[in-house]
Amino acid sequence: MKYVVVSGGVISGIGKGVLASSTGMLLKTLGLKVTSIKIDPYMNIDAGTMSPLEHGECFVLNDGGETDLDLGNYERYLNVTLTKDHNITTGKIYSHVIARERKGDYLGKTVQIVPHLTNAIQDWIERVSRIPVDDTGLEPDVCIIELGGTVGDIESAPFVEALRQFQFKVGKENFSLIHVSLVPVIHGEQKTKPTQAAIKDLRSLGLVPDMIACRCSEQLNQSTIDKIAMFCHVGSEQVVNVHDVNSTYHVPLLLLEQKMIDYLHNRLQLGDITLNDDDKQRGNDLLSKWKKTTGNFDASMETVKIALVGKYTNLKDSYLSVIKALEHSSMRCRRKLDIMWVESSDLEPETQETDKARFHEAWNKISSADGILVPGGFGTRGTEGMIHAARWARENKIPFLGVCLGLQIATIEFVRDVIGKTEASSTEFVEGLDEENQVVIYMPEIDKATMGGNMRLGLRPTYFQDNSEWSKIRKLYGSPASVEERHRHRYEINPEIVDELEENGLVFVGKDESNKRCEIFELKNHPYYVATQYHPEYTSKVLDPSKPFLGLVAASSGILDDVIDGKYDFHTDSESTDF
């Protein structure tokens, strides 16, 4: 097993996740099997109880693990399926060590950070790195480990020490470190001092970088590269220039141009790994498709405008997987994506009374959008604005996609406006709501007393109903009998009102294995009015966009029938892939 560790210095949020994902993707183009681990130094067991405004999106895995959003990056770039154990947190490690101490596993010894905690971290990494994560079902060849936070933070100290020991445990030829640093541009001058200080701190902790990835708003001067190499004690070829590019999907190609993969090939002796012809061909195909996809991004001329009506729009990372799913779909449709951010509460009449400018700006975006998306969320705030957006899309034949809360919102709107129950709502929004007005109810099996990990989570099947042959969303999936997608919710559509909804034209084309729980609805006689109780954005890949999102972008671009017919797939595209 080869290990590539990606750490960061100077500031947080510097792009370690994208660099780690891009490095892994390039290694896959060689035909290697790649997995990934994210280390998060926070005390939480997982990301499930953290506010999206505090930590960004909570990403959900097949096994129901609620993890850091960077695991979404790994899955999207590497086309792998990770587990909750691929996200290591301080809370998990301490809980593991304390549980072992309580069982007497340490034979009466005083339990300490070194060696007990650091050994537990190393054992965890070795165990998880060998879990098969791709469709080959084989043990990976390379594991990318991203160390969250900034080197030097007190929270990450045990993990840094564990990795310092780990490099000797696995051997120099099996361990490589890439350190991501910032090169700010001040008054036109590229400053290297922050990077020099970060590398000095890293070395003082016993870790020596093999490569320094320098984030900068502009391309680094050769003199800047030489200066960093000299003062950080590395060769110039070990300084990687990660300047701003058109999109994050161009980063792997940027690294490829700078021969990063050649350096890692020699440094980790990757030539010793036996690869068959199928492995090599799979790697070549991946690189060709990636170049084609980024070429679509660059060559796109027409723009598609999607209004994202959410309640966490102040921190756009709260919707990272949604953004990525839209990007994947727009690249496949060869459209430039313009996300029009709409804070849902700005659409409500109360906002007009307090801030007319915000109210009119929000409605101007809605009325000029090619498509409307209402994503997931929790709580009452802004839900009436979402209902207004859903009604606008339904009445004006604007393509619409609702996800999780978005499905519930659109159903409430339909019951109020079409069926005529004006007081209809969700038991999440209205305490003591009359039974006759309960469109959305609390799922009976969910525990109300605890918070972490108690929702309906992870990969679950959805079965298309017998009356769904006409369904656009089913055709986008390839007309299967069922699909599997990831869930994260506590509330659901009241099964008692489904017959009434369908009699009025809102058809639940997909249900769960019990045939009672509603998973997908679609409105007949509409260009594209679809909603899912599950979160399709969690399984969207760069080269395989989520089908509900692809449908939204395609319908908003006026090419839905062509996309359903496969005219925008890789194998039917006659354009050159030679870039």
Protein backbone atom coordinates (compact mmCIF):
# COMPACT_ATOMS: atom_id res chain seq x y z
CA MET A 1 0.00 0.00 0.00
CA LYS A 2 1.23 3.45 -0.98
CA TYR A 3 0.18 6.45 1.11
CA VAL A 4 0.02 10.07 -0.07
CA VAL A 5 -0.66 12.56 2.73
CA VAL A 6 -2.00 16.03 1.91
CA SER A 7 -1.58 18.64 4.65
CA GLY A 8 -2.14 22.39 4.70
CA GLY A 9 -0.54 25.50 6.15
CA VAL A 10 -0.98 29.27 6.49
CA ILE A 11 -4.80 29.31 6.33
CA SER A 12 -7.68 26.85 6.34
CA GLY A 13 -9.93 26.39 3.31
CA ILE A 14 -6.94 26.54 1.02
CA GLY A 15 -8.09 23.73 -1.28
CA LYS A 16 -6.56 20.59 0.20
CA GLY A 17 -9.66 18.59 -0.68
CA VAL A 18 -9.52 19.49 -4.36
CA LEU A 19 -5.77 18.85 -4.51
CA ALA A 20 -6.14 15.49 -2.75
CA SER A 21 -8.99 14.49 -5.09
CA SER A 22 -7.08 15.66 -8.17
CA THR A 23 -3.96 13.75 -7.14
CA GLY A 24 -6.01 10.61 -6.63
CA MET A 25 -7.72 11.06 -9.99
CA LEU A 26 -4.35 11.37 -11.77
CA LEU A 27 -3.12 8.20 -10.07
CA LYS A 28 -6.24 6.45 -11.36
CA THR A 29 -5.33 7.49 -14.92
CA LEU A 30 -2.27 5.24 -14.52
CA GLY A 31 -4.64 2.31 -13.95
CA LEU A 32 -4.14 2.23 -10.17
CA LYS A 33 -6.91 1.60 -7.66
CA VAL A 34 -7.17 4.59 -5.33
CA THR A 35 -8.95 5.17 -2.03
CA SER A 36 -9.06 8.15 0.31
CA ILE A 37 -9.27 9.02 4.01
CA LYS A 38 -10.16 12.38 5.56
CA ILE A 39 -8.89 13.28 9.04
CA ASP A 40 -10.99 15.92 10.83
CA PRO A 41 -9.54 17.17 14.13
CA TYR A 42 -12.88 18.22 15.66
CA MET A 43 -14.30 16.48 18.75
CA ASN A 44 -17.64 15.64 17.13
CA ILE A 45 -18.15 11.98 16.33
CA ASP A 46 -19.32 13.00 12.86
CA ALA A 47 -20.67 16.01 10.95
CA GLY A 48 -24.32 15.08 11.43
CA THR A 49 -25.10 17.46 14.30
CA MET A 50 -23.26 20.50 12.94
CA SER A 51 -25.13 23.40 11.38
CA PRO A 52 -24.56 23.88 7.63
CA LEU A 53 -23.78 27.52 8.43
CA GLU A 54 -21.10 26.38 10.90
CA HIS A 55 -19.33 23.66 8.93
CA GLY A 56 -20.80 23.58 5.45
CA GLU A 57 -22.59 20.60 3.97
CA CYS A 58 -22.95 17.30 5.79
CA PHE A 59 -22.21 14.59 3.22
CA VAL A 60 -23.98 11.21 3.47
CA LEU A 61 -22.46 7.90 2.39
CA ASN A 62 -24.03 4.59 1.32
CA ASP A 63 -23.70 3.14 4.82
CA GLY A 64 -25.45 6.16 6.34
CA GLY A 65 -22.27 7.81 7.60
CA GLU A 66 -22.63 11.59 8.01
CA THR A 67 -19.23 12.98 7.13
CA ASP A 68 -17.18 15.97 6.10
CA LEU A 69 -17.98 17.41 2.67
CA ASP A 70 -14.50 16.52 1.37
CA LEU A 71 -15.52 12.86 1.17
CA GLY A 72 -17.98 14.01 -1.47
CA ASN A 73 -15.05 15.46 -3.43
CA TYR A 74 -13.22 12.12 -3.27
CA GLU A 75 -16.23 10.13 -4.44
CA ARG A 76 -17.00 12.55 -7.27
CA TYR A 77 -13.43 12.71 -8.62
CA LEU A 78 -12.40 9.10 -7.99
CA ASN A 79 -15.73 7.38 -8.74
CA VAL A 80 -15.47 5.36 -5.53
CA THR A 81 -17.85 4.45 -2.71
CA LEU A 82 -16.41 5.24 0.71
CA THR A 83 -17.56 4.23 4.20
CA LYS A 84 -18.05 6.19 7.42
CA ASP A 85 -14.71 4.80 8.64
CA HIS A 86 -12.98 6.72 5.84
CA ASN A 87 -13.70 9.88 7.87
CA ILE A 88 -11.57 9.90 11.04
CA THR A 89 -12.45 12.45 13.72
CA THR A 90 -10.92 13.21 17.10
CA GLY A 91 -14.25 12.19 18.64
CA LYS A 92 -14.14 8.77 16.96
CA ILE A 93 -10.54 8.09 17.95
CA TYR A 94 -10.98 9.12 21.58
CA SER A 95 -14.21 7.10 21.84
CA HIS A 96 -12.40 4.08 20.39
CA VAL A 97 -9.45 4.34 22.80
CA ILE A 98 -11.64 4.97 25.85
CA ALA A 99 -13.88 2.00 24.97
CA ARG A 100 -10.79 -0.22 24.74
CA GLU A 101 -9.52 1.09 28.09
CA ARG A 102 -12.88 0.28 29.71
CA LYS A 103 -12.63 -3.29 28.41
CA GLY A 104 -9.13 -3.66 29.84
CA ASP A 105 -7.40 -4.02 26.49
CA TYR A 106 -4.39 -2.02 27.68
CA LEU A 107 -3.64 -4.47 30.50
CA GLY A 108 -3.53 -1.90 33.29
CA LYS A 109 -1.16 0.52 31.56
CA THR A 110 -1.54 4.28 31.83
CA VAL A 111 -3.34 5.25 28.61
CA GLN A 112 -1.62 8.17 26.90
CA ILE A 113 -1.65 10.18 23.67
CA VAL A 114 1.63 8.49 22.75
CA PRO A 115 1.62 5.60 22.11
CA HIS A 116 -2.01 4.53 22.60
CA LEU A 117 -3.87 7.26 20.72
CA THR A 118 -1.28 7.57 17.95
CA ASN A 119 -1.19 3.79 17.53
CA ALA A 120 -4.98 3.73 17.26
CA ILE A 121 -4.82 6.34 14.48
CA GLN A 122 -2.20 4.35 12.56
CA ASP A 123 -4.11 1.08 12.96
CA TRP A 124 -7.30 2.79 11.77
CA ILE A 125 -5.56 4.13 8.65
CA GLU A 126 -4.03 0.76 7.78
CA ARG A 127 -7.33 -1.08 8.25
CA VAL A 128 -9.52 1.34 6.31
CA SER A 129 -7.06 1.90 3.46
CA ARG A 130 -7.46 -1.74 2.45
CA ILE A 131 -11.25 -1.67 2.08
CA PRO A 132 -12.26 -2.12 -1.61
CA VAL A 133 -14.03 1.03 -2.80
CA ASP A 134 -14.51 0.64 -6.57
CA ASP A 135 -16.30 -1.72 -8.91
CA THR A 136 -13.27 -4.03 -9.16
CA GLY A 137 -13.87 -5.21 -5.58
CA LEU A 138 -10.08 -5.37 -5.08
CA GLU A 139 -7.85 -3.85 -2.43
CA PRO A 140 -6.63 -0.35 -3.42
CA ASP A 141 -3.06 0.32 -4.48
CA VAL A 142 -2.84 3.89 -3.16
CA CYS A 143 -4.49 5.71 -0.26
CA ILE A 144 -4.79 9.51 -0.24
CA ILE A 145 -4.94 10.89 3.31
CA GLU A 146 -6.08 14.47 3.80
CA LEU A 147 -5.18 16.01 7.16
CA GLY A 148 -7.87 18.59 7.92
CA GLY A 149 -7.19 21.92 9.54
CA THR A 150 -3.86 23.72 9.53
CA VAL A 151 -0.57 22.13 10.64
CA GLY A 152 0.36 23.65 13.99
CA ASP A 153 -3.19 23.75 15.37
CA ILE A 154 -3.44 22.12 18.78
CA GLU A 155 -6.38 19.99 17.60
CA SER A 156 -4.36 18.23 14.90
CA ALA A 157 -1.23 17.57 17.01
CA PRO A 158 -1.99 13.87 17.78
CA PHE A 159 -2.65 13.16 14.10
CA VAL A 160 0.57 14.90 13.00
CA GLU A 161 2.52 12.82 15.50
CA ALA A 162 0.77 9.65 14.34
CA LEU A 163 1.70 10.40 10.73
CA ARG A 164 5.30 11.19 11.75
CA GLN A 165 5.55 7.70 13.22
CA PHE A 166 3.59 6.16 10.36
CA GLN A 167 6.14 7.18 7.70
CA PHE A 168 8.75 4.96 9.36
CA LYS A 169 6.29 2.15 9.97
CA VAL A 170 5.36 1.77 6.29
CA GLY A 171 8.74 2.78 4.82
CA LYS A 172 10.00 5.79 2.90
CA GLU A 173 9.14 4.30 -0.50
CA ASN A 174 5.48 3.92 0.57
CA PHE A 175 4.87 7.34 2.13
CA SER A 176 4.79 10.74 0.45
CA LEU A 177 3.71 14.12 1.78
CA ILE A 178 2.24 17.01 -0.24
CA HIS A 179 1.91 20.26 1.70
CA VAL A 180 -0.51 22.89 0.40
CA SER A 181 0.45 26.47 1.18
CA LEU A 182 -0.61 29.98 0.23
CA VAL A 183 1.40 32.45 -1.82
CA PRO A 184 -0.44 35.77 -1.47
CA VAL A 185 0.01 38.58 -3.96
CA ILE A 186 0.59 41.90 -2.16
CA HIS A 187 0.84 45.04 -4.31
CA GLY A 188 1.71 42.87 -7.29
CA GLU A 189 4.47 40.92 -5.49
CA GLN A 190 4.25 37.18 -4.82
CA LYS A 191 5.11 36.65 -1.15
CA THR A 192 6.90 33.45 -0.11
CA LYS A 193 7.39 34.09 3.62
CA PRO A 194 4.09 32.43 4.71
CA THR A 195 5.09 29.25 2.87
CA GLN A 196 8.60 29.32 4.31
CA ALA A 197 7.17 29.63 7.83
CA ALA A 198 4.63 26.84 7.22
CA ILE A 199 7.30 24.43 5.97
CA LYS A 200 9.52 25.32 8.94
CA ASP A 201 6.68 24.44 11.31
CA LEU A 202 6.03 21.20 9.43
CA ARG A 203 9.67 20.14 9.60
CA SER A 204 9.86 20.95 13.32
CA LEU A 205 7.07 18.39 13.83
CA GLY A 206 9.04 15.68 12.04
CA LEU A 207 7.33 15.74 8.64
CA VAL A 208 9.31 16.59 5.50
CA PRO A 209 7.30 17.54 2.40
CA ASP A 210 8.04 15.79 -0.88
CA MET A 211 6.03 18.37 -2.80
CA ILE A 212 4.84 21.88 -1.97
CA ALA A 213 1.60 22.84 -3.71
CA CYS A 214 1.45 26.62 -3.81
CA ARG A 215 -2.01 28.16 -4.07
CA CYS A 216 -1.96 31.53 -5.73
CA SER A 217 -4.41 33.74 -7.57
CA GLU A 218 -1.97 33.97 -10.46
CA GLN A 219 0.68 31.84 -12.12
CA LEU A 220 3.90 31.78 -10.08
CA ASN A 221 7.00 33.42 -11.45
CA GLN A 222 9.98 31.14 -11.91
CA SER A 223 11.88 33.32 -9.43
CA THR A 224 9.15 32.68 -6.83
CA ILE A 225 9.36 28.93 -7.42
CA ASP A 226 13.15 28.98 -7.13
CA LYS A 227 12.99 31.00 -3.92
CA ILE A 228 10.51 28.60 -2.30
CA ALA A 229 12.63 25.63 -3.39
CA MET A 230 15.81 27.14 -1.95
CA PHE A 231 14.43 28.21 1.43
CA CYS A 232 12.24 25.13 1.88
CA HIS A 233 14.99 22.69 0.98
CA VAL A 234 13.32 21.01 -2.02
CA GLY A 235 13.99 20.88 -5.75
CA SER A 236 12.23 23.28 -8.10
CA GLU A 237 10.37 20.33 -9.68
CA GLN A 238 8.88 19.65 -6.22
CA VAL A 239 7.16 23.05 -6.11
CA VAL A 240 3.75 22.79 -7.79
CA ASN A 241 2.04 25.93 -9.01
CA VAL A 242 -1.71 25.63 -8.27
CA HIS A 243 -2.96 28.95 -9.60
CA ASP A 244 -6.58 29.89 -10.24
CA VAL A 245 -8.10 28.11 -13.26
CA ASN A 246 -11.50 28.09 -15.00
CA SER A 247 -12.90 25.44 -12.66
CA THR A 248 -11.74 22.95 -10.04
CA TYR A 249 -12.13 20.24 -12.71
CA HIS A 250 -9.10 21.74 -14.48
CA VAL A 251 -6.83 21.21 -11.47
CA PRO A 252 -5.92 17.58 -12.36
CA LEU A 253 -4.84 18.73 -15.83
CA LEU A 254 -2.86 21.59 -14.29
CA LEU A 255 -1.02 19.11 -12.06
CA LEU A 256 -0.51 16.76 -15.01
CA GLU A 257 1.16 19.56 -17.01
CA GLN A 258 3.64 20.07 -14.16
CA LYS A 259 4.56 16.38 -14.14
CA MET A 260 3.35 15.78 -10.58
CA ILE A 261 2.43 12.23 -11.50
CA ASP A 262 5.90 11.56 -12.88
CA TYR A 263 7.45 12.66 -9.60
CA LEU A 264 5.10 10.49 -7.53
CA HIS A 265 5.69 7.56 -9.88
CA ASN A 266 9.40 7.67 -9.10
CA ARG A 267 9.09 8.68 -5.44
CA LEU A 268 6.66 5.87 -4.56
CA GLN A 269 8.09 3.31 -7.01
CA LEU A 270 4.68 2.89 -8.59
CA GLY A 271 6.23 0.95 -11.45
CA ASP A 272 6.54 -2.01 -9.07
CA ILE A 273 2.75 -2.36 -8.93
CA THR A 274 1.55 -4.98 -11.43
CA LEU A 275 -1.10 -3.67 -13.82
CA ASN A 276 -2.86 -5.62 -16.54
CA ASP A 277 -4.00 -4.26 -19.90
CA ASP A 278 -7.55 -3.68 -18.64
CA ASP A 279 -6.21 -1.53 -15.80
CA LYS A 280 -4.17 0.59 -18.19
CA GLN A 281 -7.06 0.96 -20.65
CA ARG A 282 -9.38 2.02 -17.84
CA GLY A 283 -6.87 4.70 -16.87
CA ASN A 284 -6.54 5.95 -20.45
CA ASP A 285 -10.33 6.11 -20.84
CA LEU A 286 -10.64 8.08 -17.62
CA LEU A 287 -8.12 10.70 -18.76
CA SER A 288 -9.76 10.99 -22.18
CA LYS A 289 -13.24 11.49 -20.70
CA TRP A 290 -11.93 13.99 -18.17
CA LYS A 291 -10.31 16.07 -20.88
CA LYS A 292 -13.52 15.89 -22.88
CA THR A 293 -15.58 17.07 -19.90
CA THR A 294 -13.33 20.02 -19.11
CA GLY A 295 -13.30 20.80 -22.82
CA ASN A 296 -17.10 20.97 -22.72
CA PHE A 297 -16.79 23.45 -19.85
CA ASP A 298 -14.42 25.69 -21.82
CA ALA A 299 -16.31 25.42 -25.10
CA SER A 300 -19.80 26.05 -23.68
CA MET A 301 -21.39 29.08 -25.30
CA GLU A 302 -25.03 29.04 -24.17
CA THR A 303 -25.89 29.75 -20.53
CA VAL A 304 -28.47 27.99 -18.38
CA LYS A 305 -29.76 29.94 -15.37
CA ILE A 306 -30.84 27.91 -12.33
CA ALA A 307 -32.42 29.66 -9.35
CA LEU A 308 -31.32 27.87 -6.18
CA VAL A 309 -33.92 28.74 -3.54
CA GLY A 310 -32.38 27.88 -0.17
CA LYS A 311 -32.14 28.94 3.43
CA TYR A 312 -28.36 28.64 3.94
CA THR A 313 -27.25 30.72 0.95
CA ASN A 314 -24.94 32.91 3.06
CA LEU A 315 -22.52 29.95 3.13
CA LYS A 316 -22.58 28.35 -0.29
CA ASP A 317 -20.61 25.33 0.97
CA SER A 318 -23.87 24.36 2.68
CA TYR A 319 -25.02 23.22 -0.77
CA LEU A 320 -21.71 21.96 -2.14
CA SER A 321 -22.99 18.63 -3.48
CA VAL A 322 -25.97 20.40 -5.06
CA ILE A 323 -23.62 22.87 -6.77
CA LYS A 324 -21.39 20.04 -8.00
CA ALA A 325 -24.34 18.03 -9.32
CA LEU A 326 -25.48 21.09 -11.29
CA GLU A 327 -21.93 21.60 -12.60
CA HIS A 328 -21.62 17.96 -13.68
CA SER A 329 -24.96 18.19 -15.49
CA SER A 330 -24.20 21.50 -17.20
CA MET A 331 -20.86 20.17 -18.49
CA ARG A 332 -22.63 17.12 -19.91
CA CYS A 333 -25.22 19.41 -21.55
CA ARG A 334 -22.44 21.76 -22.77
CA ARG A 335 -23.92 24.77 -21.07
CA LYS A 336 -22.39 27.48 -18.92
CA LEU A 337 -24.01 27.32 -15.51
CA ASP A 338 -25.31 30.46 -13.85
CA ILE A 339 -26.56 29.70 -10.33
CA MET A 340 -28.86 32.49 -9.17
CA TRP A 341 -28.78 32.39 -5.37
CA VAL A 342 -32.13 33.18 -3.77
CA GLU A 343 -32.56 33.33 -0.01
CA SER A 344 -36.00 31.77 0.36
CA SER A 345 -37.21 34.17 3.06
CA ASP A 346 -36.66 37.07 0.62
CA LEU A 347 -39.57 35.76 -1.47
CA GLU A 348 -42.05 36.16 1.38
CA PRO A 349 -44.47 39.12 1.64
CA GLU A 350 -43.07 39.98 5.09
CA THR A 351 -39.74 40.79 3.45
CA GLN A 352 -41.43 43.22 1.07
CA GLU A 353 -42.66 45.17 4.09
CA THR A 354 -39.17 45.36 5.63
CA ASP A 355 -36.84 45.37 2.61
CA LYS A 356 -38.48 45.96 -0.77
CA ALA A 357 -35.16 45.88 -2.61
CA ARG A 358 -34.32 42.33 -1.43
CA PHE A 359 -37.88 41.17 -2.15
CA HIS A 360 -37.90 42.48 -5.73
CA GLU A 361 -34.37 41.26 -6.42
CA ALA A 362 -35.31 37.75 -5.29
CA TRP A 363 -38.46 37.68 -7.43
CA ASN A 364 -36.57 39.08 -10.41
CA LYS A 365 -34.21 36.09 -10.20
CA ILE A 366 -37.09 33.64 -9.94
CA SER A 367 -38.95 35.14 -12.88
CA SER A 368 -35.87 35.22 -15.12
CA ALA A 369 -34.55 31.74 -14.29
CA ASP A 370 -34.57 28.88 -16.80
CA GLY A 371 -35.08 26.38 -13.98
CA ILE A 372 -35.79 26.37 -10.24
CA LEU A 373 -34.24 24.14 -7.57
CA VAL A 374 -35.40 23.82 -3.95
CA PRO A 375 -32.81 21.76 -2.02
CA GLY A 376 -32.92 20.09 1.40
CA GLY A 377 -32.96 21.79 4.78
CA PHE A 378 -34.42 21.78 8.26
CA GLY A 379 -36.73 24.07 10.24
CA THR A 380 -39.48 26.56 9.49
CA ARG A 381 -37.55 29.66 8.41
CA GLY A 382 -37.96 30.52 4.74
CA THR A 383 -40.34 27.66 3.92
CA GLU A 384 -43.16 29.94 2.77
CA GLY A 385 -40.76 31.51 0.28
CA MET A 386 -39.93 28.05 -1.04
CA ILE A 387 -43.65 27.37 -1.45
CA HIS A 388 -43.99 30.56 -3.54
CA ALA A 389 -41.10 29.41 -5.75
CA ALA A 390 -42.62 25.96 -6.27
CA ARG A 391 -45.96 27.54 -7.22
CA TRP A 392 -44.27 29.86 -9.73
CA ALA A 393 -42.52 26.90 -11.38
CA ARG A 394 -45.69 24.81 -11.50
CA GLU A 395 -48.00 27.50 -12.84
CA ASN A 396 -45.52 28.95 -15.35
CA LYS A 397 -44.22 25.61 -16.68
CA ILE A 398 -40.67 26.33 -15.47
CA PRO A 399 -38.52 23.19 -14.99
CA PHE A 400 -38.38 22.39 -11.27
CA LEU A 401 -36.49 20.00 -9.02
CA GLY A 402 -37.23 19.58 -5.33
CA VAL A 403 -34.86 17.61 -3.11
CA CYS A 404 -35.92 16.21 0.30
CA LEU A 405 -37.44 19.33 1.91
CA GLY A 406 -38.05 20.51 -1.65
CA LEU A 407 -40.35 17.54 -2.30
CA GLN A 408 -42.27 18.24 0.90
CA ILE A 409 -42.54 21.95 0.08
CA ALA A 410 -43.86 21.30 -3.44
CA THR A 411 -46.40 18.80 -2.13
CA ILE A 412 -47.69 21.29 0.46
CA GLU A 413 -48.03 23.91 -2.27
CA PHE A 414 -49.99 21.49 -4.46
CA VAL A 415 -52.37 20.55 -1.64
CA ARG A 416 -52.97 24.21 -0.78
CA ASP A 417 -53.45 25.58 -4.27
CA VAL A 418 -54.79 22.68 -6.36
CA ILE A 419 -56.72 20.59 -3.83
CA GLY A 420 -57.79 23.66 -1.87
CA LYS A 421 -56.66 22.90 1.69
CA THR A 422 -55.24 26.33 2.41
CA GLU A 423 -54.04 25.44 5.93
CA ALA A 424 -52.08 22.39 4.80
CA SER A 425 -48.52 22.20 6.11
CA SER A 426 -45.89 20.02 7.78
CA THR A 427 -45.84 18.92 11.40
CA GLU A 428 -42.24 20.17 11.35
CA PHE A 429 -43.46 23.71 10.67
CA VAL A 430 -46.70 23.85 12.69
CA GLU A 431 -46.94 22.37 16.17
CA GLY A 432 -50.30 20.71 16.87
CA LEU A 433 -51.33 20.75 13.21
CA ASP A 434 -54.81 19.28 12.58
CA GLU A 435 -54.70 15.79 11.09
CA GLU A 436 -56.67 16.84 8.03
CA ASN A 437 -53.96 19.38 7.17
CA GLN A 438 -50.94 17.12 7.79
CA VAL A 439 -49.25 16.82 4.41
CA VAL A 440 -45.83 16.02 5.92
CA ILE A 441 -45.46 13.96 9.10
CA TYR A 442 -42.68 12.78 11.41
CA MET A 443 -41.52 9.30 10.46
CA PRO A 444 -42.84 6.93 13.14
CA GLU A 445 -39.61 4.93 13.58
CA ILE A 446 -37.40 7.98 14.24
CA ASP A 447 -36.23 8.63 17.81
CA LYS A 448 -37.07 12.18 18.87
CA ALA A 449 -34.87 12.09 21.98
CA THR A 450 -31.46 11.99 20.29
CA MET A 451 -29.83 13.99 17.49
CA GLY A 452 -26.79 12.26 16.00
CA GLY A 453 -27.23 9.57 13.36
CA ASN A 454 -30.92 8.92 14.00
CA MET A 455 -32.48 9.99 10.70
CA ARG A 456 -33.34 7.75 7.77
CA LEU A 457 -29.82 7.58 6.41
CA GLY A 458 -27.84 5.98 3.62
CA LEU A 459 -28.48 4.00 0.45
CA ARG A 460 -32.03 2.67 0.05
CA PRO A 461 -34.04 1.39 -2.93
CA THR A 462 -36.80 3.25 -4.76
CA TYR A 463 -39.21 1.20 -6.91
CA PHE A 464 -40.86 2.74 -9.95
CA GLN A 465 -44.60 2.19 -10.02
CA ASP A 466 -46.52 0.36 -12.74
CA ASN A 467 -48.09 3.60 -13.96
CA SER A 468 -44.76 5.36 -14.55
CA GLU A 469 -43.88 4.33 -18.13
CA TRP A 470 -44.43 7.95 -19.21
CA SER A 471 -42.15 9.34 -16.49
CA LYS A 472 -39.31 11.57 -17.67
CA ILE A 473 -37.25 10.89 -14.53
CA ARG A 474 -37.60 7.13 -15.02
CA LYS A 475 -36.43 7.46 -18.62
CA LEU A 476 -33.43 9.51 -17.47
CA TYR A 477 -32.46 6.62 -15.20
CA GLY A 478 -32.73 4.25 -18.18
CA SER A 479 -36.25 2.92 -17.38
CA PRO A 480 -35.17 0.50 -14.63
CA ALA A 481 -37.51 -1.25 -12.20
CA SER A 482 -35.74 0.45 -9.29
CA VAL A 483 -32.85 2.74 -8.34
CA GLU A 484 -30.78 3.12 -5.19
CA GLU A 485 -30.07 6.58 -3.78
CA ARG A 486 -28.95 8.10 -0.47
CA HIS A 487 -31.34 9.48 2.14
CA ARG A 488 -31.16 11.94 5.03
CA HIS A 489 -34.51 12.94 6.51
CA ARG A 490 -36.87 12.67 9.51
CA TYR A 491 -40.12 13.72 7.83
CA GLU A 492 -42.08 12.19 4.96
CA ILE A 493 -45.25 12.70 2.92
CA ASN A 494 -48.32 11.50 4.81
CA PRO A 495 -49.24 8.15 3.14
CA GLU A 496 -52.92 8.82 3.85
CA ILE A 497 -53.15 11.63 1.27
CA VAL A 498 -51.30 9.98 -1.64
CA ASP A 499 -54.45 8.76 -3.44
CA GLU A 500 -55.95 12.24 -3.34
CA LEU A 501 -52.73 13.78 -4.67
CA GLU A 502 -52.54 11.33 -7.56
CA GLU A 503 -56.21 11.86 -8.47
CA ASN A 504 -55.35 15.52 -8.95
CA GLY A 505 -52.30 14.89 -11.15
CA LEU A 506 -49.33 14.76 -8.76
CA VAL A 507 -48.09 11.22 -9.34
CA PHE A 508 -45.69 9.41 -6.99
CA VAL A 509 -43.84 7.43 -9.64
CA GLY A 510 -41.35 6.01 -7.09
CA LYS A 511 -41.97 4.45 -3.68
CA ASP A 512 -39.94 2.47 -1.13
CA GLU A 513 -39.99 -1.30 -0.67
CA SER A 514 -43.14 -1.11 1.47
CA ASN A 515 -44.97 0.64 -1.41
CA LYS A 516 -46.16 3.26 1.10
CA ARG A 517 -43.29 5.68 1.57
CA CYS A 518 -43.13 8.28 -1.21
CA GLU A 519 -39.75 8.71 -2.90
CA ILE A 520 -40.31 10.48 -6.27
CA PHE A 521 -43.17 12.55 -7.59
CA GLU A 522 -43.66 13.94 -11.06
CA LEU A 523 -46.30 16.27 -12.44
CA LYS A 524 -47.91 15.28 -15.73
CA ASN A 525 -48.27 17.82 -18.53
CA HIS A 526 -45.28 19.84 -17.37
CA PRO A 527 -41.86 20.22 -19.08
CA TYR A 528 -40.11 18.92 -15.93
CA TYR A 529 -41.63 19.09 -12.47
CA VAL A 530 -39.88 16.44 -10.38
CA ALA A 531 -39.02 16.01 -6.70
CA THR A 532 -37.21 13.31 -4.73
CA GLN A 533 -37.31 12.49 -1.03
CA TYR A 534 -33.76 11.19 -1.32
CA HIS A 535 -30.67 13.30 -2.05
CA PRO A 536 -29.52 12.46 -5.60
CA GLU A 537 -26.71 15.02 -5.37
CA TYR A 538 -24.75 12.72 -3.04
CA THR A 539 -24.14 10.16 -5.82
CA SER A 540 -23.43 12.56 -8.68
CA LYS A 541 -20.01 12.06 -10.30
CA VAL A 542 -17.99 14.33 -12.56
CA LEU A 543 -18.29 11.85 -15.43
CA ASP A 544 -21.71 10.48 -14.44
CA PRO A 545 -24.10 13.30 -13.45
CA SER A 546 -27.05 12.70 -11.13
CA LYS A 547 -30.08 11.91 -13.28
CA PRO A 548 -32.62 14.21 -11.53
CA PHE A 549 -30.15 17.12 -11.76
CA LEU A 550 -29.27 16.25 -15.35
CA GLY A 551 -32.99 16.34 -16.12
CA LEU A 552 -33.38 19.77 -14.55
CA VAL A 553 -30.45 21.28 -16.47
CA ALA A 554 -31.43 19.58 -19.72
CA ALA A 555 -35.07 20.68 -19.45
CA SER A 556 -33.96 24.21 -18.53
CA SER A 557 -31.75 24.18 -21.64
CA GLY A 558 -34.51 22.86 -23.90
CA ILE A 559 -32.69 19.60 -24.71
CA LEU A 560 -34.33 17.09 -22.35
CA ASP A 561 -35.53 14.75 -25.11
CA ASP A 562 -32.06 14.65 -26.66
CA VAL A 563 -30.47 13.87 -23.30
CA ILE A 564 -33.00 11.10 -22.65
CA ASP A 565 -32.17 9.68 -26.10
CA GLY A 566 -28.46 9.61 -25.16
CA LYS A 567 -27.30 12.23 -27.65
CA TYR A 568 -25.11 13.89 -25.01
CA ASP A 569 -23.40 10.74 -23.75
CA PHE A 570 -19.66 10.22 -24.25
CA HIS A 571 -20.02 7.24 -26.57
CA THR A 572 -22.42 9.05 -28.91
CA ASP A 573 -20.42 12.26 -29.11
CA SER A 574 -18.51 12.68 -32.36
CA GLU A 575 -16.43 15.63 -31.23
CA SER A 576 -12.69 15.15 -30.86
CA THR A 577 -11.28 14.30 -27.44
CA ASP A 578 -7.76 15.28 -28.46
CA PHE A 579 -6.83 18.24 -26.27
